[in-house]
Amino acid sequence: MPGYAAAIGYTLPGCLFCAFGIFTFVKADLVPLSAEGLCLALSSTFKWRFSRVKVAVDCTMVAVAVLASLLFLGHVVGVGVGTIICAVSTGYIIGWFFKVCPL
């Protein structure tokens, strides 16, 4: 079990750094990657908070990955607890950055 706890311990700072990277290019109005571009498009079109849209899009992508894995392989491959933690937490951390750093 110590290996599993260490993996979770590495996942949380990874989510923090990932969220900060996404926050910086959203604030800089740079051309995003496809997933963040979808989040930005939905956020600006429907006037929803980017951070909440990010959580919804990430969780939807994880659900699609799990369903595709079950459908084509018969069991879940490539989606673990860390993936779910990142999908749920990154958007909320981005929202925190927007509150703390209103550049």
PDB file of N, CA and C in Angstrom:
ATOM      1  N   MET A   1       0.793  -1.215   0.000  1.00  0.00           N
ATOM      2  CA  MET A   1       0.000   0.000   0.000  1.00  0.00           C
ATOM      3  C   MET A   1       0.833   1.276   0.000  1.00  0.00           C
ATOM      4  N   PRO A   2       2.104   1.267   0.472  1.00  0.00           N
ATOM      5  CA  PRO A   2       2.869   2.511   0.440  1.00  0.00           C
ATOM      6  C   PRO A   2       3.053   3.036  -0.984  1.00  0.00           C
ATOM      7  N   GLY A   3       3.140   2.146  -1.960  1.00  0.00           N
ATOM      8  CA  GLY A   3       3.280   2.572  -3.350  1.00  0.00           C
ATOM      9  C   GLY A   3       2.050   3.316  -3.835  1.00  0.00           C
ATOM     10  N   TYR A   4       0.891   2.850  -3.404  1.00  0.00           N
ATOM     11  CA  TYR A   4      -0.368   3.487  -3.801  1.00  0.00           C
ATOM     12  C   TYR A   4      -0.498   4.872  -3.180  1.00  0.00           C
ATOM     13  N   ALA A   5      -0.122   5.001  -1.922  1.00  0.00           N
ATOM     14  CA  ALA A   5      -0.169   6.300  -1.248  1.00  0.00           C
ATOM     15  C   ALA A   5       0.811   7.267  -1.892  1.00  0.00           C
ATOM     16  N   ALA A   6       1.973   6.781  -2.270  1.00  0.00           N
ATOM     17  CA  ALA A   6       2.954   7.635  -2.941  1.00  0.00           C
ATOM     18  C   ALA A   6       2.431   8.090  -4.293  1.00  0.00           C
ATOM     19  N   ALA A   7       1.758   7.202  -5.008  1.00  0.00           N
ATOM     20  CA  ALA A   7       1.196   7.574  -6.309  1.00  0.00           C
ATOM     21  C   ALA A   7       0.158   8.681  -6.158  1.00  0.00           C
ATOM     22  N   ILE A   8      -0.693   8.582  -5.152  1.00  0.00           N
ATOM     23  CA  ILE A   8      -1.670   9.643  -4.882  1.00  0.00           C
ATOM     24  C   ILE A   8      -0.942  10.919  -4.479  1.00  0.00           C
ATOM     25  N   GLY A   9       0.125  10.775  -3.709  1.00  0.00           N
ATOM     26  CA  GLY A   9       0.927  11.929  -3.308  1.00  0.00           C
ATOM     27  C   GLY A   9       1.565  12.644  -4.486  1.00  0.00           C
ATOM     28  N   TYR A  10       1.930  11.913  -5.526  1.00  0.00           N
ATOM     29  CA  TYR A  10       2.468  12.525  -6.736  1.00  0.00           C
ATOM     30  C   TYR A  10       1.364  13.082  -7.632  1.00  0.00           C
ATOM     31  N   THR A  11       0.203  12.508  -7.566  1.00  0.00           N
ATOM     32  CA  THR A  11      -0.914  12.943  -8.416  1.00  0.00           C
ATOM     33  C   THR A  11      -1.384  14.341  -8.044  1.00  0.00           C
ATOM     34  N   LEU A  12      -1.490  14.631  -6.769  1.00  0.00           N
ATOM     35  CA  LEU A  12      -2.021  15.926  -6.334  1.00  0.00           C
ATOM     36  C   LEU A  12      -1.154  17.112  -6.764  1.00  0.00           C
ATOM     37  N   PRO A  13       0.165  17.071  -6.573  1.00  0.00           N
ATOM     38  CA  PRO A  13       0.972  18.177  -7.117  1.00  0.00           C
ATOM     39  C   PRO A  13       0.914  18.235  -8.643  1.00  0.00           C
ATOM     40  N   GLY A  14       0.801  17.072  -9.273  1.00  0.00           N
ATOM     41  CA  GLY A  14       0.666  17.048 -10.730  1.00  0.00           C
ATOM     42  C   GLY A  14      -0.590  17.781 -11.186  1.00  0.00           C
ATOM     43  N   CYS A  15      -1.686  17.571 -10.471  1.00  0.00           N
ATOM     44  CA  CYS A  15      -2.930  18.285 -10.776  1.00  0.00           C
ATOM     45  C   CYS A  15      -2.758  19.782 -10.581  1.00  0.00           C
ATOM     46  N   LEU A  16      -2.037  20.170  -9.545  1.00  0.00           N
ATOM     47  CA  LEU A  16      -1.794  21.581  -9.263  1.00  0.00           C
ATOM     48  C   LEU A  16      -0.997  22.226 -10.393  1.00  0.00           C
ATOM     49  N   PHE A  17       0.079  21.587 -10.827  1.00  0.00           N
ATOM     50  CA  PHE A  17       0.897  22.131 -11.912  1.00  0.00           C
ATOM     51  C   PHE A  17       0.139  22.154 -13.234  1.00  0.00           C
ATOM     52  N   CYS A  18      -0.613  21.115 -13.511  1.00  0.00           N
ATOM     53  CA  CYS A  18      -1.420  21.065 -14.733  1.00  0.00           C
ATOM     54  C   CYS A  18      -2.455  22.187 -14.738  1.00  0.00           C
ATOM     55  N   ALA A  19      -3.129  22.371 -13.614  1.00  0.00           N
ATOM     56  CA  ALA A  19      -4.140  23.427 -13.505  1.00  0.00           C
ATOM     57  C   ALA A  19      -3.511  24.802 -13.685  1.00  0.00           C
ATOM     58  N   PHE A  20      -2.324  25.007 -13.113  1.00  0.00           N
ATOM     59  CA  PHE A  20      -1.660  26.298 -13.272  1.00  0.00           C
ATOM     60  C   PHE A  20      -1.282  26.542 -14.725  1.00  0.00           C
ATOM     61  N   GLY A  21      -0.817  25.513 -15.416  1.00  0.00           N
ATOM     62  CA  GLY A  21      -0.491  25.650 -16.838  1.00  0.00           C
ATOM     63  C   GLY A  21      -1.706  26.008 -17.672  1.00  0.00           C
ATOM     64  N   ILE A  22      -2.808  25.343 -17.428  1.00  0.00           N
ATOM     65  CA  ILE A  22      -4.040  25.640 -18.165  1.00  0.00           C
ATOM     66  C   ILE A  22      -4.521  27.049 -17.836  1.00  0.00           C
ATOM     67  N   PHE A  23      -4.450  27.421 -16.558  1.00  0.00           N
ATOM     68  CA  PHE A  23      -4.841  28.767 -16.126  1.00  0.00           C
ATOM     69  C   PHE A  23      -4.032  29.832 -16.864  1.00  0.00           C
ATOM     70  N   THR A  24      -2.716  29.630 -16.963  1.00  0.00           N
ATOM     71  CA  THR A  24      -1.873  30.657 -17.583  1.00  0.00           C
ATOM     72  C   THR A  24      -2.172  30.832 -19.061  1.00  0.00           C
ATOM     73  N   PHE A  25      -2.387  29.747 -19.806  1.00  0.00           N
ATOM     74  CA  PHE A  25      -2.647  29.982 -21.219  1.00  0.00           C
ATOM     75  C   PHE A  25      -4.068  30.442 -21.482  1.00  0.00           C
ATOM     76  N   VAL A  26      -5.005  30.133 -20.585  1.00  0.00           N
ATOM     77  CA  VAL A  26      -6.355  30.690 -20.720  1.00  0.00           C
ATOM     78  C   VAL A  26      -6.324  32.187 -20.463  1.00  0.00           C
ATOM     79  N   LYS A  27      -5.598  32.596 -19.415  1.00  0.00           N
ATOM     80  CA  LYS A  27      -5.481  34.021 -19.095  1.00  0.00           C
ATOM     81  C   LYS A  27      -4.718  34.776 -20.184  1.00  0.00           C
ATOM     82  N   ALA A  28      -3.731  34.130 -20.796  1.00  0.00           N
ATOM     83  CA  ALA A  28      -2.935  34.777 -21.845  1.00  0.00           C
ATOM     84  C   ALA A  28      -3.646  34.773 -23.189  1.00  0.00           C
ATOM     85  N   ASP A  29      -4.790  34.115 -23.269  1.00  0.00           N
ATOM     86  CA  ASP A  29      -5.588  34.032 -24.494  1.00  0.00           C
ATOM     87  C   ASP A  29      -4.804  33.389 -25.638  1.00  0.00           C
ATOM     88  N   LEU A  30      -4.079  32.328 -25.312  1.00  0.00           N
ATOM     89  CA  LEU A  30      -3.322  31.585 -26.312  1.00  0.00           C
ATOM     90  C   LEU A  30      -4.200  30.509 -26.941  1.00  0.00           C
ATOM     91  N   VAL A  31      -3.752  29.957 -28.044  1.00  0.00           N
ATOM     92  CA  VAL A  31      -4.500  28.896 -28.717  1.00  0.00           C
ATOM     93  C   VAL A  31      -4.417  27.635 -27.854  1.00  0.00           C
ATOM     94  N   PRO A  32      -5.558  27.134 -27.396  1.00  0.00           N
ATOM     95  CA  PRO A  32      -5.548  25.981 -26.483  1.00  0.00           C
ATOM     96  C   PRO A  32      -5.476  24.645 -27.215  1.00  0.00           C
ATOM     97  N   LEU A  33      -5.235  23.610 -26.451  1.00  0.00           N
ATOM     98  CA  LEU A  33      -5.351  22.253 -26.966  1.00  0.00           C
ATOM     99  C   LEU A  33      -6.835  21.936 -27.143  1.00  0.00           C
ATOM    100  N   SER A  34      -7.140  20.824 -27.763  1.00  0.00           N
ATOM    101  CA  SER A  34      -8.536  20.542 -28.126  1.00  0.00           C
ATOM    102  C   SER A  34      -9.480  20.464 -26.925  1.00  0.00           C
ATOM    103  N   ALA A  35      -9.081  19.812 -25.851  1.00  0.00           N
ATOM    104  CA  ALA A  35      -9.983  19.676 -24.700  1.00  0.00           C
ATOM    105  C   ALA A  35     -10.260  21.027 -24.051  1.00  0.00           C
ATOM    106  N   GLU A  36      -9.218  21.816 -23.861  1.00  0.00           N
ATOM    107  CA  GLU A  36      -9.414  23.139 -23.265  1.00  0.00           C
ATOM    108  C   GLU A  36     -10.121  24.075 -24.241  1.00  0.00           C
ATOM    109  N   GLY A  37      -9.898  23.877 -25.533  1.00  0.00           N
ATOM    110  CA  GLY A  37     -10.617  24.663 -26.543  1.00  0.00           C
ATOM    111  C   GLY A  37     -12.112  24.404 -26.474  1.00  0.00           C
ATOM    112  N   LEU A  38     -12.486  23.139 -26.286  1.00  0.00           N
ATOM    113  CA  LEU A  38     -13.898  22.797 -26.113  1.00  0.00           C
ATOM    114  C   LEU A  38     -14.456  23.467 -24.863  1.00  0.00           C
ATOM    115  N   CYS A  39     -13.683  23.417 -23.777  1.00  0.00           N
ATOM    116  CA  CYS A  39     -14.115  24.062 -22.529  1.00  0.00           C
ATOM    117  C   CYS A  39     -14.285  25.565 -22.724  1.00  0.00           C
ATOM    118  N   LEU A  40     -13.325  26.196 -23.393  1.00  0.00           N
ATOM    119  CA  LEU A  40     -13.415  27.638 -23.637  1.00  0.00           C
ATOM    120  C   LEU A  40     -14.619  27.985 -24.518  1.00  0.00           C
ATOM    121  N   ALA A  41     -14.860  27.174 -25.550  1.00  0.00           N
ATOM    122  CA  ALA A  41     -15.992  27.427 -26.437  1.00  0.00           C
ATOM    123  C   ALA A  41     -17.321  27.307 -25.684  1.00  0.00           C
ATOM    124  N   LEU A  42     -17.470  26.254 -24.903  1.00  0.00           N
ATOM    125  CA  LEU A  42     -18.702  26.085 -24.133  1.00  0.00           C
ATOM    126  C   LEU A  42     -18.851  27.188 -23.092  1.00  0.00           C
ATOM    127  N   SER A  43     -17.743  27.524 -22.448  1.00  0.00           N
ATOM    128  CA  SER A  43     -17.763  28.551 -21.409  1.00  0.00           C
ATOM    129  C   SER A  43     -18.158  29.914 -21.965  1.00  0.00           C
ATOM    130  N   SER A  44     -17.586  30.282 -23.091  1.00  0.00           N
ATOM    131  CA  SER A  44     -17.894  31.606 -23.649  1.00  0.00           C
ATOM    132  C   SER A  44     -19.258  31.640 -24.335  1.00  0.00           C
ATOM    133  N   THR A  45     -19.662  30.543 -24.949  1.00  0.00           N
ATOM    134  CA  THR A  45     -20.956  30.510 -25.634  1.00  0.00           C
ATOM    135  C   THR A  45     -22.118  30.577 -24.652  1.00  0.00           C
ATOM    136  N   PHE A  46     -22.039  29.794 -23.596  1.00  0.00           N
ATOM    137  CA  PHE A  46     -23.148  29.706 -22.654  1.00  0.00           C
ATOM    138  C   PHE A  46     -22.952  30.540 -21.385  1.00  0.00           C
ATOM    139  N   LYS A  47     -21.825  31.282 -21.320  1.00  0.00           N
ATOM    140  CA  LYS A  47     -21.525  32.143 -20.171  1.00  0.00           C
ATOM    141  C   LYS A  47     -21.447  31.345 -18.869  1.00  0.00           C
ATOM    142  N   TRP A  48     -20.847  30.153 -18.962  1.00  0.00           N
ATOM    143  CA  TRP A  48     -20.634  29.318 -17.794  1.00  0.00           C
ATOM    144  C   TRP A  48     -19.207  29.518 -17.308  1.00  0.00           C
ATOM    145  N   ARG A  49     -18.951  29.239 -16.037  1.00  0.00           N
ATOM    146  CA  ARG A  49     -17.593  29.340 -15.496  1.00  0.00           C
ATOM    147  C   ARG A  49     -16.700  28.285 -16.124  1.00  0.00           C
ATOM    148  N   PHE A  50     -15.521  28.726 -16.563  1.00  0.00           N
ATOM    149  CA  PHE A  50     -14.573  27.814 -17.214  1.00  0.00           C
ATOM    150  C   PHE A  50     -14.245  26.630 -16.315  1.00  0.00           C
ATOM    151  N   SER A  51     -14.040  26.888 -15.036  1.00  0.00           N
ATOM    152  CA  SER A  51     -13.630  25.818 -14.125  1.00  0.00           C
ATOM    153  C   SER A  51     -14.681  24.715 -14.032  1.00  0.00           C
ATOM    154  N   ARG A  52     -15.940  25.087 -14.014  1.00  0.00           N
ATOM    155  CA  ARG A  52     -17.002  24.067 -13.937  1.00  0.00           C
ATOM    156  C   ARG A  52     -17.140  23.306 -15.248  1.00  0.00           C
ATOM    157  N   VAL A  53     -16.997  24.027 -16.360  1.00  0.00           N
ATOM    158  CA  VAL A  53     -17.055  23.364 -17.665  1.00  0.00           C
ATOM    159  C   VAL A  53     -15.897  22.381 -17.794  1.00  0.00           C
ATOM    160  N   LYS A  54     -14.729  22.770 -17.298  1.00  0.00           N
ATOM    161  CA  LYS A  54     -13.552  21.900 -17.349  1.00  0.00           C
ATOM    162  C   LYS A  54     -13.800  20.596 -16.595  1.00  0.00           C
ATOM    163  N   VAL A  55     -14.385  20.673 -15.416  1.00  0.00           N
ATOM    164  CA  VAL A  55     -14.691  19.463 -14.644  1.00  0.00           C
ATOM    165  C   VAL A  55     -15.669  18.589 -15.419  1.00  0.00           C
ATOM    166  N   ALA A  56     -16.713  19.186 -15.979  1.00  0.00           N
ATOM    167  CA  ALA A  56     -17.717  18.410 -16.714  1.00  0.00           C
ATOM    168  C   ALA A  56     -17.118  17.741 -17.951  1.00  0.00           C
ATOM    169  N   VAL A  57     -16.316  18.474 -18.705  1.00  0.00           N
ATOM    170  CA  VAL A  57     -15.709  17.909 -19.915  1.00  0.00           C
ATOM    171  C   VAL A  57     -14.724  16.798 -19.550  1.00  0.00           C
ATOM    172  N   ASP A  58     -13.886  17.027 -18.542  1.00  0.00           N
ATOM    173  CA  ASP A  58     -12.923  15.999 -18.139  1.00  0.00           C
ATOM    174  C   ASP A  58     -13.615  14.739 -17.640  1.00  0.00           C
ATOM    175  N   CYS A  59     -14.652  14.892 -16.826  1.00  0.00           N
ATOM    176  CA  CYS A  59     -15.385  13.720 -16.328  1.00  0.00           C
ATOM    177  C   CYS A  59     -16.096  12.989 -17.461  1.00  0.00           C
ATOM    178  N   THR A  60     -16.600  13.732 -18.423  1.00  0.00           N
ATOM    179  CA  THR A  60     -17.222  13.103 -19.593  1.00  0.00           C
ATOM    180  C   THR A  60     -16.201  12.308 -20.391  1.00  0.00           C
ATOM    181  N   MET A  61     -15.005  12.868 -20.566  1.00  0.00           N
ATOM    182  CA  MET A  61     -13.953  12.146 -21.297  1.00  0.00           C
ATOM    183  C   MET A  61     -13.529  10.878 -20.566  1.00  0.00           C
ATOM    184  N   VAL A  62     -13.451  10.936 -19.248  1.00  0.00           N
ATOM    185  CA  VAL A  62     -13.104   9.744 -18.470  1.00  0.00           C
ATOM    186  C   VAL A  62     -14.205   8.700 -18.608  1.00  0.00           C
ATOM    187  N   ALA A  63     -15.460   9.121 -18.553  1.00  0.00           N
ATOM    188  CA  ALA A  63     -16.575   8.182 -18.700  1.00  0.00           C
ATOM    189  C   ALA A  63     -16.553   7.523 -20.080  1.00  0.00           C
ATOM    190  N   VAL A  64     -16.267   8.293 -21.115  1.00  0.00           N
ATOM    191  CA  VAL A  64     -16.180   7.732 -22.469  1.00  0.00           C
ATOM    192  C   VAL A  64     -15.022   6.730 -22.545  1.00  0.00           C
ATOM    193  N   ALA A  65     -13.894   7.063 -21.917  1.00  0.00           N
ATOM    194  CA  ALA A  65     -12.752   6.141 -21.914  1.00  0.00           C
ATOM    195  C   ALA A  65     -13.097   4.838 -21.208  1.00  0.00           C
ATOM    196  N   VAL A  66     -13.801   4.932 -20.083  1.00  0.00           N
ATOM    197  CA  VAL A  66     -14.196   3.720 -19.350  1.00  0.00           C
ATOM    198  C   VAL A  66     -15.171   2.896 -20.180  1.00  0.00           C
ATOM    199  N   LEU A  67     -16.160   3.554 -20.773  1.00  0.00           N
ATOM    200  CA  LEU A  67     -17.139   2.824 -21.594  1.00  0.00           C
ATOM    201  C   LEU A  67     -16.482   2.176 -22.810  1.00  0.00           C
ATOM    202  N   ALA A  68     -15.599   2.888 -23.487  1.00  0.00           N
ATOM    203  CA  ALA A  68     -14.911   2.326 -24.653  1.00  0.00           C
ATOM    204  C   ALA A  68     -14.031   1.151 -24.243  1.00  0.00           C
ATOM    205  N   SER A  69     -13.361   1.293 -23.110  1.00  0.00           N
ATOM    206  CA  SER A  69     -12.519   0.214 -22.612  1.00  0.00           C
ATOM    207  C   SER A  69     -13.342  -1.035 -22.294  1.00  0.00           C
ATOM    208  N   LEU A  70     -14.480  -0.822 -21.633  1.00  0.00           N
ATOM    209  CA  LEU A  70     -15.350  -1.959 -21.320  1.00  0.00           C
ATOM    210  C   LEU A  70     -15.932  -2.592 -22.584  1.00  0.00           C
ATOM    211  N   LEU A  71     -16.313  -1.751 -23.522  1.00  0.00           N
ATOM    212  CA  LEU A  71     -16.936  -2.244 -24.753  1.00  0.00           C
ATOM    213  C   LEU A  71     -15.950  -3.039 -25.605  1.00  0.00           C
ATOM    214  N   PHE A  72     -14.744  -2.495 -25.794  1.00  0.00           N
ATOM    215  CA  PHE A  72     -13.804  -3.120 -26.713  1.00  0.00           C
ATOM    216  C   PHE A  72     -12.855  -4.122 -26.063  1.00  0.00           C
ATOM    217  N   LEU A  73     -12.582  -3.973 -24.770  1.00  0.00           N
ATOM    218  CA  LEU A  73     -11.614  -4.842 -24.115  1.00  0.00           C
ATOM    219  C   LEU A  73     -12.223  -5.729 -23.038  1.00  0.00           C
ATOM    220  N   GLY A  74     -13.432  -5.399 -22.600  1.00  0.00           N
ATOM    221  CA  GLY A  74     -14.091  -6.213 -21.593  1.00  0.00           C
ATOM    222  C   GLY A  74     -13.743  -5.855 -20.163  1.00  0.00           C
ATOM    223  N   HIS A  75     -12.772  -4.983 -19.974  1.00  0.00           N
ATOM    224  CA  HIS A  75     -12.409  -4.516 -18.638  1.00  0.00           C
ATOM    225  C   HIS A  75     -11.777  -3.126 -18.772  1.00  0.00           C
ATOM    226  N   VAL A  76     -11.672  -2.432 -17.667  1.00  0.00           N
ATOM    227  CA  VAL A  76     -11.164  -1.059 -17.682  1.00  0.00           C
ATOM    228  C   VAL A  76      -9.638  -1.079 -17.789  1.00  0.00           C
ATOM    229  N   VAL A  77      -9.130  -0.380 -18.783  1.00  0.00           N
ATOM    230  CA  VAL A  77      -7.689  -0.279 -19.009  1.00  0.00           C
ATOM    231  C   VAL A  77      -7.330   1.200 -19.155  1.00  0.00           C
ATOM    232  N   GLY A  78      -6.322   1.637 -18.442  1.00  0.00           N
ATOM    233  CA  GLY A  78      -5.809   2.984 -18.618  1.00  0.00           C
ATOM    234  C   GLY A  78      -6.508   4.063 -17.820  1.00  0.00           C
ATOM    235  N   VAL A  79      -7.531   3.718 -17.081  1.00  0.00           N
ATOM    236  CA  VAL A  79      -8.237   4.687 -16.247  1.00  0.00           C
ATOM    237  C   VAL A  79      -8.176   4.177 -14.820  1.00  0.00           C
ATOM    238  N   GLY A  80      -7.467   4.931 -13.990  1.00  0.00           N
ATOM    239  CA  GLY A  80      -7.342   4.545 -12.589  1.00  0.00           C
ATOM    240  C   GLY A  80      -7.831   5.648 -11.677  1.00  0.00           C
ATOM    241  N   VAL A  81      -7.518   5.498 -10.437  1.00  0.00           N
ATOM    242  CA  VAL A  81      -7.937   6.480  -9.438  1.00  0.00           C
ATOM    243  C   VAL A  81      -7.306   7.843  -9.725  1.00  0.00           C
ATOM    244  N   GLY A  82      -6.046   7.852 -10.155  1.00  0.00           N
ATOM    245  CA  GLY A  82      -5.374   9.114 -10.462  1.00  0.00           C
ATOM    246  C   GLY A  82      -6.051   9.863 -11.584  1.00  0.00           C
ATOM    247  N   THR A  83      -6.514   9.140 -12.581  1.00  0.00           N
ATOM    248  CA  THR A  83      -7.229   9.764 -13.693  1.00  0.00           C
ATOM    249  C   THR A  83      -8.503  10.430 -13.208  1.00  0.00           C
ATOM    250  N   ILE A  84      -9.220   9.761 -12.353  1.00  0.00           N
ATOM    251  CA  ILE A  84     -10.472  10.301 -11.822  1.00  0.00           C
ATOM    252  C   ILE A  84     -10.192  11.499 -10.920  1.00  0.00           C
ATOM    253  N   ILE A  85      -9.154  11.396 -10.086  1.00  0.00           N
ATOM    254  CA  ILE A  85      -8.793  12.528  -9.232  1.00  0.00           C
ATOM    255  C   ILE A  85      -8.450  13.751 -10.074  1.00  0.00           C
ATOM    256  N   CYS A  86      -7.662  13.563 -11.118  1.00  0.00           N
ATOM    257  CA  CYS A  86      -7.290  14.681 -11.991  1.00  0.00           C
ATOM    258  C   CYS A  86      -8.502  15.259 -12.715  1.00  0.00           C
ATOM    259  N   ALA A  87      -9.379  14.403 -13.191  1.00  0.00           N
ATOM    260  CA  ALA A  87     -10.561  14.882 -13.912  1.00  0.00           C
ATOM    261  C   ALA A  87     -11.440  15.745 -13.020  1.00  0.00           C
ATOM    262  N   VAL A  88     -11.576  15.353 -11.770  1.00  0.00           N
ATOM    263  CA  VAL A  88     -12.453  16.081 -10.854  1.00  0.00           C
ATOM    264  C   VAL A  88     -11.775  17.321 -10.281  1.00  0.00           C
ATOM    265  N   SER A  89     -10.503  17.211  -9.950  1.00  0.00           N
ATOM    266  CA  SER A  89      -9.865  18.304  -9.200  1.00  0.00           C
ATOM    267  C   SER A  89      -9.273  19.423 -10.043  1.00  0.00           C
ATOM    268  N   THR A  90      -8.828  19.151 -11.247  1.00  0.00           N
ATOM    269  CA  THR A  90      -8.127  20.170 -12.036  1.00  0.00           C
ATOM    270  C   THR A  90      -8.994  21.394 -12.283  1.00  0.00           C
ATOM    271  N   GLY A  91     -10.234  21.215 -12.635  1.00  0.00           N
ATOM    272  CA  GLY A  91     -11.129  22.353 -12.874  1.00  0.00           C
ATOM    273  C   GLY A  91     -11.338  23.204 -11.643  1.00  0.00           C
ATOM    274  N   TYR A  92     -11.482  22.544 -10.502  1.00  0.00           N
ATOM    275  CA  TYR A  92     -11.661  23.295  -9.257  1.00  0.00           C
ATOM    276  C   TYR A  92     -10.398  24.077  -8.890  1.00  0.00           C
ATOM    277  N   ILE A  93      -9.237  23.472  -9.134  1.00  0.00           N
ATOM    278  CA  ILE A  93      -7.982  24.179  -8.865  1.00  0.00           C
ATOM    279  C   ILE A  93      -7.839  25.376  -9.807  1.00  0.00           C
ATOM    280  N   ILE A  94      -8.240  25.223 -11.056  1.00  0.00           N
ATOM    281  CA  ILE A  94      -8.215  26.347 -12.003  1.00  0.00           C
ATOM    282  C   ILE A  94      -9.130  27.463 -11.500  1.00  0.00           C
ATOM    283  N   GLY A  95     -10.309  27.099 -11.017  1.00  0.00           N
ATOM    284  CA  GLY A  95     -11.219  28.103 -10.455  1.00  0.00           C
ATOM    285  C   GLY A  95     -10.597  28.838  -9.286  1.00  0.00           C
ATOM    286  N   TRP A  96      -9.834  28.113  -8.462  1.00  0.00           N
ATOM    287  CA  TRP A  96      -9.140  28.743  -7.342  1.00  0.00           C
ATOM    288  C   TRP A  96      -8.085  29.721  -7.853  1.00  0.00           C
ATOM    289  N   PHE A  97      -7.346  29.332  -8.907  1.00  0.00           N
ATOM    290  CA  PHE A  97      -6.363  30.242  -9.485  1.00  0.00           C
ATOM    291  C   PHE A  97      -7.026  31.510 -10.021  1.00  0.00           C
ATOM    292  N   PHE A  98      -8.194  31.368 -10.651  1.00  0.00           N
ATOM    293  CA  PHE A  98      -8.905  32.551 -11.162  1.00  0.00           C
ATOM    294  C   PHE A  98      -9.291  33.495 -10.025  1.00  0.00           C
ATOM    295  N   LYS A  99      -9.619  32.938  -8.855  1.00  0.00           N
ATOM    296  CA  LYS A  99      -9.976  33.793  -7.703  1.00  0.00           C
ATOM    297  C   LYS A  99      -8.745  34.441  -7.084  1.00  0.00           C
ATOM    298  N   VAL A 100      -7.664  33.685  -6.968  1.00  0.00           N
ATOM    299  CA  VAL A 100      -6.459  34.160  -6.295  1.00  0.00           C
ATOM    300  C   VAL A 100      -5.646  35.112  -7.173  1.00  0.00           C
ATOM    301  N   CYS A 101      -5.622  34.866  -8.472  1.00  0.00           N
ATOM    302  CA  CYS A 101      -4.795  35.643  -9.408  1.00  0.00           C
ATOM    303  C   CYS A 101      -5.676  36.338 -10.448  1.00  0.00           C
ATOM    304  N   PRO A 102      -6.413  37.357 -10.075  1.00  0.00           N
ATOM    305  CA  PRO A 102      -7.296  38.027 -11.047  1.00  0.00           C
ATOM    306  C   PRO A 102      -6.530  39.008 -11.934  1.00  0.00           C
ATOM    307  N   LEU A 103      -5.607  38.503 -12.734  1.00  0.00           N
ATOM    308  CA  LEU A 103      -4.777  39.353 -13.601  1.00  0.00           C
ATOM    309  C   LEU A 103      -5.583  40.053 -14.668  1.00  0.00           C
TER     310      LEU A 103
END
